[in-house]
Amino acid sequence: MFGMSTDGLSVDDGIRTLLLLMPRMVGRAKKLGVPADLQSLSLAPRHLSLLAYLLFDGAMTVNELAARLEVAPATVSLMVGELSRKGVLERREDDADRRRTIVSIAAAHQTAINEWLGYGAKAWRQALEPLTPAQRRMFVDTLLAYERALSG
């Protein structure tokens, strides 16, 4: 692989490296597997994003989750309802505004979800911490641009 040299990397060399790297990364992520007590829940990728926001940012409203996930509040309400019925999430009324529902990860699943998603977070922290804030921004922006190019 390439190290921290000052040599440039051609676009083609970068593409070649990333095309070989991405399947390995996905394969390793899949090997982590879903914790035993979550396997029966049939969690989809969209559920993982929702759980990641709640894990890293704490409890929030359906509208806040919808804004972060960039989907309609009705879509989040359906996911929250589904995961609440399965016991993964808890819903409660906001004491300050009874019309708002606060969503959080159920205490019974907090540890399993933290260990599962936290492993990936630890690896990202190890990769991103040595970079400057500007380098991190460029890396994240590049991944976002790649995602957009795949879907466009």
N, C-alpha and C. Protein backbone atom coordinates (compact mmCIF):
# COMPACT_ATOMS: atom_id res chain seq x y z
N MET A 1 0.83 -1.20 0.00
CA MET A 1 0.00 0.00 0.00
C MET A 1 0.88 1.26 0.00
N PHE A 2 0.25 2.40 0.01
CA PHE A 2 1.02 3.64 -0.02
C PHE A 2 1.15 4.19 1.39
N GLY A 3 2.28 4.81 1.67
CA GLY A 3 2.54 5.37 2.99
C GLY A 3 2.35 6.87 2.99
N MET A 4 3.02 7.53 3.91
CA MET A 4 2.89 8.97 4.06
C MET A 4 3.96 9.71 3.26
N SER A 5 4.28 9.23 2.07
CA SER A 5 5.31 9.87 1.27
C SER A 5 4.77 11.17 0.68
N THR A 6 5.69 11.99 0.21
CA THR A 6 5.28 13.26 -0.41
C THR A 6 5.02 13.06 -1.91
N ASP A 7 5.26 11.84 -2.41
CA ASP A 7 5.02 11.56 -3.81
C ASP A 7 3.52 11.68 -4.10
N GLY A 8 3.23 12.15 -5.30
CA GLY A 8 1.84 12.24 -5.70
C GLY A 8 1.30 10.86 -6.05
N LEU A 9 0.03 10.79 -6.28
CA LEU A 9 -0.64 9.56 -6.67
C LEU A 9 -1.48 9.89 -7.89
N SER A 10 -1.24 9.19 -8.98
CA SER A 10 -2.04 9.48 -10.17
C SER A 10 -3.49 9.06 -9.93
N VAL A 11 -4.37 9.64 -10.70
CA VAL A 11 -5.79 9.29 -10.60
C VAL A 11 -5.96 7.79 -10.84
N ASP A 12 -5.32 7.26 -11.88
CA ASP A 12 -5.47 5.84 -12.18
C ASP A 12 -4.92 4.95 -11.07
N ASP A 13 -3.78 5.34 -10.48
CA ASP A 13 -3.23 4.56 -9.36
C ASP A 13 -4.17 4.62 -8.15
N GLY A 14 -4.74 5.78 -7.91
CA GLY A 14 -5.70 5.92 -6.82
C GLY A 14 -6.93 5.05 -7.05
N ILE A 15 -7.45 5.07 -8.28
CA ILE A 15 -8.62 4.25 -8.61
C ILE A 15 -8.31 2.78 -8.42
N ARG A 16 -7.16 2.34 -8.95
CA ARG A 16 -6.76 0.93 -8.83
C ARG A 16 -6.70 0.52 -7.36
N THR A 17 -6.04 1.33 -6.54
CA THR A 17 -5.90 1.02 -5.12
C THR A 17 -7.26 0.95 -4.44
N LEU A 18 -8.13 1.91 -4.72
CA LEU A 18 -9.44 1.95 -4.07
C LEU A 18 -10.35 0.83 -4.55
N LEU A 19 -10.27 0.47 -5.82
CA LEU A 19 -11.09 -0.64 -6.32
C LEU A 19 -10.70 -1.96 -5.65
N LEU A 20 -9.43 -2.10 -5.32
CA LEU A 20 -8.99 -3.30 -4.61
C LEU A 20 -9.30 -3.22 -3.11
N LEU A 21 -9.24 -2.02 -2.57
CA LEU A 21 -9.43 -1.82 -1.14
C LEU A 21 -10.90 -1.93 -0.70
N MET A 22 -11.81 -1.33 -1.46
CA MET A 22 -13.21 -1.25 -1.02
C MET A 22 -13.84 -2.62 -0.76
N PRO A 23 -13.68 -3.62 -1.65
CA PRO A 23 -14.27 -4.94 -1.34
C PRO A 23 -13.68 -5.57 -0.07
N ARG A 24 -12.40 -5.35 0.17
CA ARG A 24 -11.79 -5.88 1.40
C ARG A 24 -12.38 -5.22 2.63
N MET A 25 -12.57 -3.89 2.56
CA MET A 25 -13.17 -3.17 3.69
C MET A 25 -14.58 -3.65 3.97
N VAL A 26 -15.38 -3.79 2.90
CA VAL A 26 -16.76 -4.26 3.05
C VAL A 26 -16.76 -5.67 3.64
N GLY A 27 -15.87 -6.52 3.13
CA GLY A 27 -15.78 -7.89 3.63
C GLY A 27 -15.45 -7.94 5.11
N ARG A 28 -14.50 -7.11 5.54
CA ARG A 28 -14.15 -7.08 6.96
C ARG A 28 -15.30 -6.55 7.80
N ALA A 29 -15.99 -5.55 7.31
CA ALA A 29 -17.13 -5.00 8.05
C ALA A 29 -18.22 -6.05 8.20
N LYS A 30 -18.46 -6.83 7.14
CA LYS A 30 -19.49 -7.87 7.21
C LYS A 30 -19.10 -8.98 8.18
N LYS A 31 -17.79 -9.26 8.30
CA LYS A 31 -17.33 -10.31 9.21
C LYS A 31 -17.58 -9.96 10.67
N LEU A 32 -17.71 -8.66 10.95
CA LEU A 32 -18.01 -8.25 12.33
C LEU A 32 -19.32 -8.87 12.78
N GLY A 33 -20.23 -9.01 11.82
CA GLY A 33 -21.50 -9.67 12.12
C GLY A 33 -22.37 -8.88 13.08
N VAL A 34 -23.60 -9.24 13.08
CA VAL A 34 -24.59 -8.62 13.96
C VAL A 34 -24.54 -9.37 15.30
N PRO A 35 -24.51 -8.65 16.43
CA PRO A 35 -24.52 -9.32 17.73
C PRO A 35 -25.69 -10.30 17.84
N ALA A 36 -25.47 -11.40 18.56
CA ALA A 36 -26.46 -12.47 18.66
C ALA A 36 -27.85 -11.96 19.05
N ASP A 37 -27.89 -11.05 20.04
CA ASP A 37 -29.21 -10.60 20.50
C ASP A 37 -29.88 -9.62 19.55
N LEU A 38 -29.19 -9.24 18.45
CA LEU A 38 -29.80 -8.36 17.45
C LEU A 38 -30.07 -9.09 16.13
N GLN A 39 -29.53 -10.30 15.97
CA GLN A 39 -29.65 -11.02 14.70
C GLN A 39 -31.10 -11.28 14.29
N SER A 40 -31.93 -11.58 15.25
CA SER A 40 -33.33 -11.91 14.93
C SER A 40 -34.13 -10.69 14.50
N LEU A 41 -33.54 -9.50 14.60
CA LEU A 41 -34.29 -8.27 14.33
C LEU A 41 -34.29 -7.87 12.86
N SER A 42 -33.51 -8.56 12.02
CA SER A 42 -33.44 -8.26 10.58
C SER A 42 -33.18 -6.77 10.34
N LEU A 43 -32.10 -6.27 10.87
CA LEU A 43 -31.77 -4.85 10.70
C LEU A 43 -31.25 -4.59 9.30
N ALA A 44 -31.78 -3.55 8.67
CA ALA A 44 -31.36 -3.15 7.32
C ALA A 44 -30.35 -2.00 7.44
N PRO A 45 -29.61 -1.70 6.36
CA PRO A 45 -28.64 -0.60 6.42
C PRO A 45 -29.25 0.71 6.92
N ARG A 46 -30.50 0.99 6.54
CA ARG A 46 -31.12 2.25 6.99
C ARG A 46 -31.28 2.26 8.51
N HIS A 47 -31.50 1.09 9.11
CA HIS A 47 -31.59 1.01 10.57
C HIS A 47 -30.24 1.31 11.21
N LEU A 48 -29.16 0.87 10.57
CA LEU A 48 -27.83 1.09 11.14
C LEU A 48 -27.50 2.57 11.21
N SER A 49 -27.87 3.32 10.18
CA SER A 49 -27.63 4.78 10.20
C SER A 49 -28.41 5.42 11.33
N LEU A 50 -29.66 5.04 11.49
CA LEU A 50 -30.50 5.59 12.55
C LEU A 50 -29.90 5.26 13.91
N LEU A 51 -29.51 4.00 14.11
CA LEU A 51 -28.91 3.59 15.39
C LEU A 51 -27.59 4.31 15.64
N ALA A 52 -26.80 4.52 14.59
CA ALA A 52 -25.52 5.21 14.75
C ALA A 52 -25.73 6.64 15.24
N TYR A 53 -26.71 7.34 14.68
CA TYR A 53 -26.98 8.72 15.14
C TYR A 53 -27.39 8.72 16.60
N LEU A 54 -28.27 7.79 16.98
CA LEU A 54 -28.72 7.75 18.37
C LEU A 54 -27.59 7.35 19.31
N LEU A 55 -26.72 6.47 18.84
CA LEU A 55 -25.60 6.03 19.68
C LEU A 55 -24.61 7.16 19.90
N PHE A 56 -24.22 7.85 18.83
CA PHE A 56 -23.17 8.86 18.94
C PHE A 56 -23.68 10.23 19.39
N ASP A 57 -24.93 10.56 19.06
CA ASP A 57 -25.45 11.89 19.38
C ASP A 57 -26.51 11.89 20.48
N GLY A 58 -26.92 10.72 20.93
CA GLY A 58 -27.90 10.63 22.01
C GLY A 58 -29.33 10.72 21.50
N ALA A 59 -30.25 10.70 22.44
CA ALA A 59 -31.68 10.72 22.14
C ALA A 59 -32.04 11.98 21.34
N MET A 60 -32.98 11.83 20.42
CA MET A 60 -33.45 12.98 19.65
C MET A 60 -34.85 12.74 19.13
N THR A 61 -35.44 13.77 18.56
CA THR A 61 -36.80 13.67 18.05
C THR A 61 -36.81 13.02 16.67
N VAL A 62 -38.00 12.59 16.27
CA VAL A 62 -38.18 12.01 14.94
C VAL A 62 -37.75 13.01 13.86
N ASN A 63 -38.13 14.28 14.02
CA ASN A 63 -37.77 15.30 13.03
C ASN A 63 -36.26 15.51 12.95
N GLU A 64 -35.58 15.48 14.10
CA GLU A 64 -34.12 15.61 14.10
C GLU A 64 -33.47 14.43 13.37
N LEU A 65 -33.97 13.23 13.64
CA LEU A 65 -33.46 12.04 12.96
C LEU A 65 -33.70 12.12 11.46
N ALA A 66 -34.90 12.56 11.08
CA ALA A 66 -35.24 12.68 9.66
C ALA A 66 -34.30 13.65 8.95
N ALA A 67 -33.98 14.76 9.59
CA ALA A 67 -33.09 15.75 8.99
C ALA A 67 -31.69 15.16 8.80
N ARG A 68 -31.21 14.43 9.79
CA ARG A 68 -29.86 13.84 9.69
C ARG A 68 -29.81 12.74 8.65
N LEU A 69 -30.86 11.93 8.58
CA LEU A 69 -30.90 10.82 7.62
C LEU A 69 -31.30 11.28 6.23
N GLU A 70 -31.75 12.53 6.13
CA GLU A 70 -32.20 13.13 4.87
C GLU A 70 -33.35 12.35 4.25
N VAL A 71 -34.32 12.01 5.10
CA VAL A 71 -35.56 11.35 4.66
C VAL A 71 -36.74 12.06 5.33
N ALA A 72 -37.93 11.71 4.89
CA ALA A 72 -39.14 12.33 5.44
C ALA A 72 -39.38 11.85 6.88
N PRO A 73 -39.93 12.73 7.72
CA PRO A 73 -40.26 12.31 9.09
C PRO A 73 -41.16 11.07 9.13
N ALA A 74 -42.06 10.94 8.15
CA ALA A 74 -42.95 9.76 8.13
C ALA A 74 -42.13 8.47 7.97
N THR A 75 -41.06 8.53 7.18
CA THR A 75 -40.19 7.36 6.99
C THR A 75 -39.51 6.99 8.30
N VAL A 76 -39.02 8.00 9.02
CA VAL A 76 -38.38 7.75 10.31
C VAL A 76 -39.39 7.22 11.31
N SER A 77 -40.60 7.77 11.29
CA SER A 77 -41.65 7.29 12.21
C SER A 77 -41.92 5.81 12.01
N LEU A 78 -41.95 5.37 10.74
CA LEU A 78 -42.16 3.95 10.46
C LEU A 78 -41.01 3.11 10.99
N MET A 79 -39.77 3.55 10.77
CA MET A 79 -38.61 2.81 11.26
C MET A 79 -38.59 2.77 12.79
N VAL A 80 -38.89 3.91 13.41
CA VAL A 80 -38.90 3.98 14.87
C VAL A 80 -39.99 3.07 15.43
N GLY A 81 -41.16 3.08 14.78
CA GLY A 81 -42.25 2.20 15.22
C GLY A 81 -41.84 0.74 15.15
N GLU A 82 -41.22 0.37 14.02
CA GLU A 82 -40.76 -1.01 13.81
C GLU A 82 -39.73 -1.42 14.87
N LEU A 83 -38.73 -0.56 15.10
CA LEU A 83 -37.68 -0.89 16.06
C LEU A 83 -38.15 -0.80 17.51
N SER A 84 -39.18 0.01 17.75
CA SER A 84 -39.76 0.08 19.09
C SER A 84 -40.52 -1.20 19.41
N ARG A 85 -41.28 -1.69 18.43
CA ARG A 85 -42.02 -2.96 18.63
C ARG A 85 -41.07 -4.12 18.90
N LYS A 86 -39.87 -4.05 18.30
CA LYS A 86 -38.87 -5.11 18.50
C LYS A 86 -38.06 -4.89 19.79
N GLY A 87 -38.32 -3.78 20.48
CA GLY A 87 -37.64 -3.51 21.74
C GLY A 87 -36.26 -2.87 21.61
N VAL A 88 -35.88 -2.47 20.40
CA VAL A 88 -34.56 -1.87 20.19
C VAL A 88 -34.56 -0.40 20.61
N LEU A 89 -35.66 0.30 20.32
CA LEU A 89 -35.76 1.72 20.65
C LEU A 89 -36.84 1.96 21.68
N GLU A 90 -36.69 3.06 22.38
CA GLU A 90 -37.73 3.53 23.31
C GLU A 90 -38.21 4.89 22.84
N ARG A 91 -39.51 5.11 22.98
CA ARG A 91 -40.10 6.42 22.65
C ARG A 91 -40.73 6.99 23.91
N ARG A 92 -40.57 8.29 24.08
CA ARG A 92 -41.24 8.97 25.19
C ARG A 92 -41.61 10.37 24.76
N GLU A 93 -42.63 10.90 25.42
CA GLU A 93 -43.04 12.27 25.11
C GLU A 93 -42.00 13.24 25.65
N ASP A 94 -41.81 14.34 24.94
CA ASP A 94 -40.94 15.42 25.40
C ASP A 94 -41.69 16.18 26.48
N ASP A 95 -41.10 16.26 27.67
CA ASP A 95 -41.77 16.95 28.78
C ASP A 95 -42.05 18.41 28.46
N ALA A 96 -41.19 19.03 27.65
CA ALA A 96 -41.34 20.44 27.30
C ALA A 96 -42.41 20.66 26.24
N ASP A 97 -42.64 19.65 25.40
CA ASP A 97 -43.61 19.77 24.31
C ASP A 97 -44.18 18.38 24.03
N ARG A 98 -45.38 18.14 24.52
CA ARG A 98 -46.00 16.81 24.46
C ARG A 98 -46.24 16.31 23.03
N ARG A 99 -46.20 17.23 22.04
CA ARG A 99 -46.40 16.80 20.65
C ARG A 99 -45.15 16.13 20.09
N ARG A 100 -44.01 16.36 20.75
CA ARG A 100 -42.73 15.81 20.26
C ARG A 100 -42.43 14.49 20.95
N THR A 101 -41.92 13.55 20.17
CA THR A 101 -41.52 12.25 20.70
C THR A 101 -40.00 12.17 20.69
N ILE A 102 -39.43 11.79 21.82
CA ILE A 102 -37.99 11.61 21.94
C ILE A 102 -37.68 10.12 21.76
N VAL A 103 -36.72 9.84 20.90
CA VAL A 103 -36.36 8.46 20.57
C VAL A 103 -34.97 8.17 21.12
N SER A 104 -34.80 7.00 21.72
CA SER A 104 -33.48 6.58 22.21
C SER A 104 -33.33 5.07 22.08
N ILE A 105 -32.09 4.61 22.18
CA ILE A 105 -31.83 3.17 22.14
C ILE A 105 -32.25 2.59 23.49
N ALA A 106 -32.96 1.47 23.45
CA ALA A 106 -33.41 0.81 24.68
C ALA A 106 -32.19 0.35 25.48
N ALA A 107 -32.26 0.50 26.79
CA ALA A 107 -31.14 0.14 27.67
C ALA A 107 -30.69 -1.30 27.46
N ALA A 108 -31.64 -2.21 27.20
CA ALA A 108 -31.32 -3.63 27.04
C ALA A 108 -30.40 -3.89 25.84
N HIS A 109 -30.43 -2.99 24.84
CA HIS A 109 -29.63 -3.19 23.63
C HIS A 109 -28.46 -2.21 23.51
N GLN A 110 -28.33 -1.28 24.44
CA GLN A 110 -27.30 -0.24 24.38
C GLN A 110 -25.89 -0.83 24.26
N THR A 111 -25.57 -1.79 25.11
CA THR A 111 -24.21 -2.35 25.12
C THR A 111 -23.89 -3.07 23.82
N ALA A 112 -24.81 -3.91 23.34
CA ALA A 112 -24.57 -4.67 22.10
C ALA A 112 -24.40 -3.73 20.91
N ILE A 113 -25.25 -2.70 20.83
CA ILE A 113 -25.17 -1.75 19.71
C ILE A 113 -23.89 -0.93 19.81
N ASN A 114 -23.52 -0.55 21.03
CA ASN A 114 -22.29 0.22 21.23
C ASN A 114 -21.06 -0.59 20.82
N GLU A 115 -21.00 -1.84 21.21
CA GLU A 115 -19.86 -2.68 20.85
C GLU A 115 -19.81 -2.92 19.35
N TRP A 116 -20.96 -3.14 18.74
CA TRP A 116 -21.05 -3.44 17.32
C TRP A 116 -20.64 -2.25 16.46
N LEU A 117 -21.30 -1.10 16.68
CA LEU A 117 -21.00 0.09 15.89
C LEU A 117 -19.74 0.79 16.37
N GLY A 118 -19.42 0.62 17.65
CA GLY A 118 -18.24 1.26 18.21
C GLY A 118 -16.94 0.74 17.63
N TYR A 119 -16.93 -0.52 17.19
CA TYR A 119 -15.72 -1.10 16.60
C TYR A 119 -15.33 -0.33 15.34
N GLY A 120 -16.31 -0.05 14.49
CA GLY A 120 -16.05 0.72 13.27
C GLY A 120 -15.64 2.14 13.61
N ALA A 121 -16.25 2.72 14.63
CA ALA A 121 -15.91 4.08 15.04
C ALA A 121 -14.47 4.14 15.52
N LYS A 122 -14.03 3.12 16.23
CA LYS A 122 -12.66 3.07 16.73
C LYS A 122 -11.67 3.03 15.56
N ALA A 123 -11.98 2.23 14.55
CA ALA A 123 -11.10 2.14 13.38
C ALA A 123 -11.05 3.47 12.62
N TRP A 124 -12.22 4.12 12.46
CA TRP A 124 -12.24 5.42 11.79
C TRP A 124 -11.45 6.45 12.60
N ARG A 125 -11.58 6.42 13.93
CA ARG A 125 -10.84 7.37 14.78
C ARG A 125 -9.33 7.19 14.58
N GLN A 126 -8.89 5.93 14.53
CA GLN A 126 -7.47 5.63 14.33
C GLN A 126 -6.98 6.16 12.98
N ALA A 127 -7.83 6.06 11.97
CA ALA A 127 -7.44 6.51 10.63
C ALA A 127 -7.50 8.04 10.50
N LEU A 128 -8.48 8.68 11.15
CA LEU A 128 -8.69 10.11 10.97
C LEU A 128 -7.90 11.01 11.93
N GLU A 129 -7.59 10.52 13.12
CA GLU A 129 -6.93 11.38 14.11
C GLU A 129 -5.59 11.95 13.64
N PRO A 130 -4.75 11.19 12.92
CA PRO A 130 -3.47 11.77 12.50
C PRO A 130 -3.60 12.89 11.46
N LEU A 131 -4.75 13.00 10.82
CA LEU A 131 -4.95 13.99 9.76
C LEU A 131 -5.26 15.36 10.35
N THR A 132 -4.98 16.39 9.58
CA THR A 132 -5.38 17.74 9.98
C THR A 132 -6.89 17.86 9.75
N PRO A 133 -7.55 18.84 10.38
CA PRO A 133 -8.98 19.03 10.11
C PRO A 133 -9.28 19.22 8.62
N ALA A 134 -8.40 19.93 7.90
CA ALA A 134 -8.62 20.14 6.46
C ALA A 134 -8.49 18.82 5.69
N GLN A 135 -7.53 17.99 6.08
CA GLN A 135 -7.38 16.68 5.43
C GLN A 135 -8.59 15.80 5.70
N ARG A 136 -9.10 15.83 6.93
CA ARG A 136 -10.31 15.05 7.27
C ARG A 136 -11.48 15.51 6.42
N ARG A 137 -11.65 16.83 6.30
CA ARG A 137 -12.75 17.39 5.50
C ARG A 137 -12.63 16.91 4.06
N MET A 138 -11.42 16.94 3.50
CA MET A 138 -11.22 16.51 2.13
C MET A 138 -11.54 15.02 1.98
N PHE A 139 -11.11 14.20 2.92
CA PHE A 139 -11.37 12.76 2.87
C PHE A 139 -12.87 12.48 2.91
N VAL A 140 -13.55 13.08 3.88
CA VAL A 140 -15.00 12.87 4.02
C VAL A 140 -15.74 13.39 2.79
N ASP A 141 -15.36 14.58 2.31
CA ASP A 141 -16.00 15.14 1.11
C ASP A 141 -15.78 14.24 -0.10
N THR A 142 -14.59 13.63 -0.19
CA THR A 142 -14.29 12.73 -1.30
C THR A 142 -15.18 11.48 -1.24
N LEU A 143 -15.35 10.91 -0.05
CA LEU A 143 -16.24 9.74 0.08
C LEU A 143 -17.69 10.11 -0.26
N LEU A 144 -18.11 11.29 0.17
CA LEU A 144 -19.47 11.74 -0.15
C LEU A 144 -19.65 11.94 -1.65
N ALA A 145 -18.62 12.50 -2.31
CA ALA A 145 -18.68 12.68 -3.76
C ALA A 145 -18.72 11.33 -4.48
N TYR A 146 -17.98 10.36 -3.98
CA TYR A 146 -17.99 9.01 -4.55
C TYR A 146 -19.38 8.39 -4.42
N GLU A 147 -19.98 8.54 -3.25
CA GLU A 147 -21.33 8.01 -3.04
C GLU A 147 -22.32 8.66 -4.01
N ARG A 148 -22.23 9.98 -4.16
CA ARG A 148 -23.11 10.69 -5.10
C ARG A 148 -22.91 10.20 -6.52
N ALA A 149 -21.65 9.99 -6.91
CA ALA A 149 -21.34 9.52 -8.28
C ALA A 149 -21.89 8.12 -8.51
N LEU A 150 -21.88 7.28 -7.51
CA LEU A 150 -22.44 5.93 -7.64
C LEU A 150 -23.95 5.95 -7.85
N SER A 151 -24.61 6.89 -7.18
CA SER A 151 -26.08 6.92 -7.24
C SER A 151 -26.59 7.83 -8.35
N GLY A 152 -25.70 8.52 -9.04
CA GLY A 152 -26.13 9.47 -10.06
C GLY A 152 -25.88 9.01 -11.41
